[in-house]
Amino acid sequence: MRELCWHEKDLLILAGPTLVLDGAMGIFRLHNALELDGDTISEQEEGVLEPLFELPYVPGGDYAEGLALHSHLFGDRPGLLVVYDGPLDHRKPTSRSVFADFFQLPD
């Protein structure tokens, strides 16, 4: 896990390799996380742990590092801001700016 974020009763999980290791990264939703008991992660019951997004993967950088709920681009619909550590040149249009990604959360 690289980052966690609450969305109502669900826990959003940013998962992928840690530090500067290359590999696939994604965002998952753990439904009704506070109501779960026992060893619920290992069984991955249908409808409990839901994959939401695969994040762009570029070897050598753009390591998804943080996420936050944000609705600026989607009005009242919840969105997710994802920021990256080790941004590659395509994320740095100037020496004082860096691009992040916005994703609209599914219902």
C-alpha atoms as a PDB file:
ATOM      1  CA  MET A   1       0.000   0.000   0.000  1.00  0.00           C
ATOM      2  CA  ARG A   2       1.277   3.415  -0.904  1.00  0.00           C
ATOM      3  CA  GLU A   3      -1.630   5.565   0.358  1.00  0.00           C
ATOM      4  CA  LEU A   4      -5.080   5.278   1.951  1.00  0.00           C
ATOM      5  CA  CYS A   5      -8.062   7.628   1.698  1.00  0.00           C
ATOM      6  CA  TRP A   6     -11.626   7.445   3.051  1.00  0.00           C
ATOM      7  CA  HIS A   7     -14.621   7.932   0.765  1.00  0.00           C
ATOM      8  CA  GLU A   8     -17.760   7.753   2.888  1.00  0.00           C
ATOM      9  CA  LYS A   9     -17.726   4.209   4.373  1.00  0.00           C
ATOM     10  CA  ASP A  10     -15.215   2.873   1.845  1.00  0.00           C
ATOM     11  CA  LEU A  11     -11.439   2.845   2.075  1.00  0.00           C
ATOM     12  CA  LEU A  12      -9.602   3.765  -1.151  1.00  0.00           C
ATOM     13  CA  ILE A  13      -6.234   2.054  -1.469  1.00  0.00           C
ATOM     14  CA  LEU A  14      -3.358   3.144  -3.695  1.00  0.00           C
ATOM     15  CA  ALA A  15      -1.369  -0.057  -4.243  1.00  0.00           C
ATOM     16  CA  GLY A  16       1.863  -0.800  -6.040  1.00  0.00           C
ATOM     17  CA  PRO A  17       5.600  -1.221  -5.528  1.00  0.00           C
ATOM     18  CA  THR A  18       7.155   0.948  -2.849  1.00  0.00           C
ATOM     19  CA  LEU A  19      10.200   3.212  -2.922  1.00  0.00           C
ATOM     20  CA  VAL A  20      11.633   3.475  -6.453  1.00  0.00           C
ATOM     21  CA  LEU A  21      10.696  -0.002  -7.655  1.00  0.00           C
ATOM     22  CA  ASP A  22       9.008  -0.199 -11.055  1.00  0.00           C
ATOM     23  CA  GLY A  23       5.722  -2.025 -11.520  1.00  0.00           C
ATOM     24  CA  ALA A  24       1.999  -1.749 -12.038  1.00  0.00           C
ATOM     25  CA  MET A  25       0.023   0.510  -9.685  1.00  0.00           C
ATOM     26  CA  GLY A  26      -3.692   0.714  -9.108  1.00  0.00           C
ATOM     27  CA  ILE A  27      -6.478   2.061  -6.938  1.00  0.00           C
ATOM     28  CA  PHE A  28      -8.901  -0.239  -5.126  1.00  0.00           C
ATOM     29  CA  ARG A  29     -12.051   0.340  -3.090  1.00  0.00           C
ATOM     30  CA  LEU A  30     -12.598  -1.683   0.100  1.00  0.00           C
ATOM     31  CA  HIS A  31     -16.366  -1.456   0.589  1.00  0.00           C
ATOM     32  CA  ASN A  32     -17.701  -0.740   4.108  1.00  0.00           C
ATOM     33  CA  ALA A  33     -14.226  -1.095   5.583  1.00  0.00           C
ATOM     34  CA  LEU A  34     -15.219  -0.327   9.188  1.00  0.00           C
ATOM     35  CA  GLU A  35     -17.861  -3.062   9.167  1.00  0.00           C
ATOM     36  CA  LEU A  36     -15.442  -5.825   8.168  1.00  0.00           C
ATOM     37  CA  ASP A  37     -14.148  -8.237  10.764  1.00  0.00           C
ATOM     38  CA  GLY A  38     -11.788 -11.167  10.722  1.00  0.00           C
ATOM     39  CA  ASP A  39      -9.285 -11.846   7.959  1.00  0.00           C
ATOM     40  CA  THR A  40     -11.307 -10.287   5.140  1.00  0.00           C
ATOM     41  CA  ILE A  41      -8.508  -9.113   2.846  1.00  0.00           C
ATOM     42  CA  SER A  42      -7.107 -12.554   2.051  1.00  0.00           C
ATOM     43  CA  GLU A  43     -10.430 -13.996   0.854  1.00  0.00           C
ATOM     44  CA  GLN A  44     -11.311 -11.092  -1.494  1.00  0.00           C
ATOM     45  CA  GLU A  45     -15.006 -11.863  -1.461  1.00  0.00           C
ATOM     46  CA  GLU A  46     -17.049 -10.653  -4.424  1.00  0.00           C
ATOM     47  CA  GLY A  47     -18.111  -7.040  -3.899  1.00  0.00           C
ATOM     48  CA  VAL A  48     -15.761  -6.348  -0.981  1.00  0.00           C
ATOM     49  CA  LEU A  49     -12.486  -5.368  -2.681  1.00  0.00           C
ATOM     50  CA  GLU A  50     -13.088  -3.666  -6.029  1.00  0.00           C
ATOM     51  CA  PRO A  51     -10.356  -2.612  -8.483  1.00  0.00           C
ATOM     52  CA  LEU A  52     -11.127   0.936  -9.668  1.00  0.00           C
ATOM     53  CA  PHE A  53      -8.226   2.150 -11.841  1.00  0.00           C
ATOM     54  CA  GLU A  54      -4.944   0.977 -13.253  1.00  0.00           C
ATOM     55  CA  LEU A  55      -2.560   3.913 -13.130  1.00  0.00           C
ATOM     56  CA  PRO A  56      -0.235   4.910 -15.964  1.00  0.00           C
ATOM     57  CA  TYR A  57       2.958   2.883 -15.707  1.00  0.00           C
ATOM     58  CA  VAL A  58       6.234   4.294 -17.001  1.00  0.00           C
ATOM     59  CA  PRO A  59       9.479   2.574 -15.962  1.00  0.00           C
ATOM     60  CA  GLY A  60      11.950   4.866 -14.203  1.00  0.00           C
ATOM     61  CA  GLY A  61       9.569   7.378 -12.631  1.00  0.00           C
ATOM     62  CA  ASP A  62       6.027   8.623 -12.110  1.00  0.00           C
ATOM     63  CA  TYR A  63       5.572   6.613  -8.919  1.00  0.00           C
ATOM     64  CA  ALA A  64       2.026   7.200  -7.641  1.00  0.00           C
ATOM     65  CA  GLU A  65       2.589   8.423  -4.101  1.00  0.00           C
ATOM     66  CA  GLY A  66      -0.534  10.133  -2.801  1.00  0.00           C
ATOM     67  CA  LEU A  67      -4.230  10.553  -3.349  1.00  0.00           C
ATOM     68  CA  ALA A  68      -6.985  12.846  -2.119  1.00  0.00           C
ATOM     69  CA  LEU A  69     -10.687  13.280  -2.758  1.00  0.00           C
ATOM     70  CA  HIS A  70     -11.436  16.288  -4.928  1.00  0.00           C
ATOM     71  CA  SER A  71     -14.574  17.286  -6.847  1.00  0.00           C
ATOM     72  CA  HIS A  72     -13.379  20.460  -8.604  1.00  0.00           C
ATOM     73  CA  LEU A  73     -13.471  19.001 -12.132  1.00  0.00           C
ATOM     74  CA  PHE A  74     -16.567  16.849 -11.709  1.00  0.00           C
ATOM     75  CA  GLY A  75     -19.048  19.144  -9.947  1.00  0.00           C
ATOM     76  CA  ASP A  76     -20.843  17.210  -7.237  1.00  0.00           C
ATOM     77  CA  ARG A  77     -19.404  13.870  -8.370  1.00  0.00           C
ATOM     78  CA  PRO A  78     -16.425  12.716  -6.317  1.00  0.00           C
ATOM     79  CA  GLY A  79     -13.057  12.727  -7.993  1.00  0.00           C
ATOM     80  CA  LEU A  80      -9.663  11.504  -6.952  1.00  0.00           C
ATOM     81  CA  LEU A  81      -6.434  13.469  -7.262  1.00  0.00           C
ATOM     82  CA  VAL A  82      -3.334  11.284  -7.670  1.00  0.00           C
ATOM     83  CA  VAL A  83       0.134  12.797  -7.275  1.00  0.00           C
ATOM     84  CA  TYR A  84       3.446  11.238  -8.261  1.00  0.00           C
ATOM     85  CA  ASP A  85       6.928  11.010  -6.778  1.00  0.00           C
ATOM     86  CA  GLY A  86       9.819  11.085  -9.238  1.00  0.00           C
ATOM     87  CA  PRO A  87       7.800  12.794 -11.978  1.00  0.00           C
ATOM     88  CA  LEU A  88       9.195  12.310 -15.463  1.00  0.00           C
ATOM     89  CA  ASP A  89       9.617  15.171 -17.922  1.00  0.00           C
ATOM     90  CA  HIS A  90       6.094  14.848 -19.400  1.00  0.00           C
ATOM     91  CA  ARG A  91       4.704  15.821 -15.956  1.00  0.00           C
ATOM     92  CA  LYS A  92       6.941  18.914 -15.618  1.00  0.00           C
ATOM     93  CA  PRO A  93       5.893  21.544 -18.164  1.00  0.00           C
ATOM     94  CA  THR A  94       8.042  24.159 -16.390  1.00  0.00           C
ATOM     95  CA  SER A  95      10.666  24.120 -13.641  1.00  0.00           C
ATOM     96  CA  ARG A  96       8.006  25.311 -11.147  1.00  0.00           C
ATOM     97  CA  SER A  97       5.068  23.073 -12.006  1.00  0.00           C
ATOM     98  CA  VAL A  98       4.130  19.413 -12.112  1.00  0.00           C
ATOM     99  CA  PHE A  99       1.050  17.616 -13.455  1.00  0.00           C
ATOM    100  CA  ALA A 100      -1.060  15.258 -11.355  1.00  0.00           C
ATOM    101  CA  ASP A 101      -3.966  13.065 -12.490  1.00  0.00           C
ATOM    102  CA  PHE A 102      -7.705  13.351 -11.772  1.00  0.00           C
ATOM    103  CA  PHE A 103     -10.004  10.349 -11.912  1.00  0.00           C
ATOM    104  CA  GLN A 104     -13.767  10.365 -11.524  1.00  0.00           C
ATOM    105  CA  LEU A 105     -14.882   7.792  -8.977  1.00  0.00           C
ATOM    106  CA  PRO A 106     -17.483   5.332 -10.246  1.00  0.00           C
ATOM    107  CA  ASP A 107     -20.778   5.062  -8.374  1.00  0.00           C
END
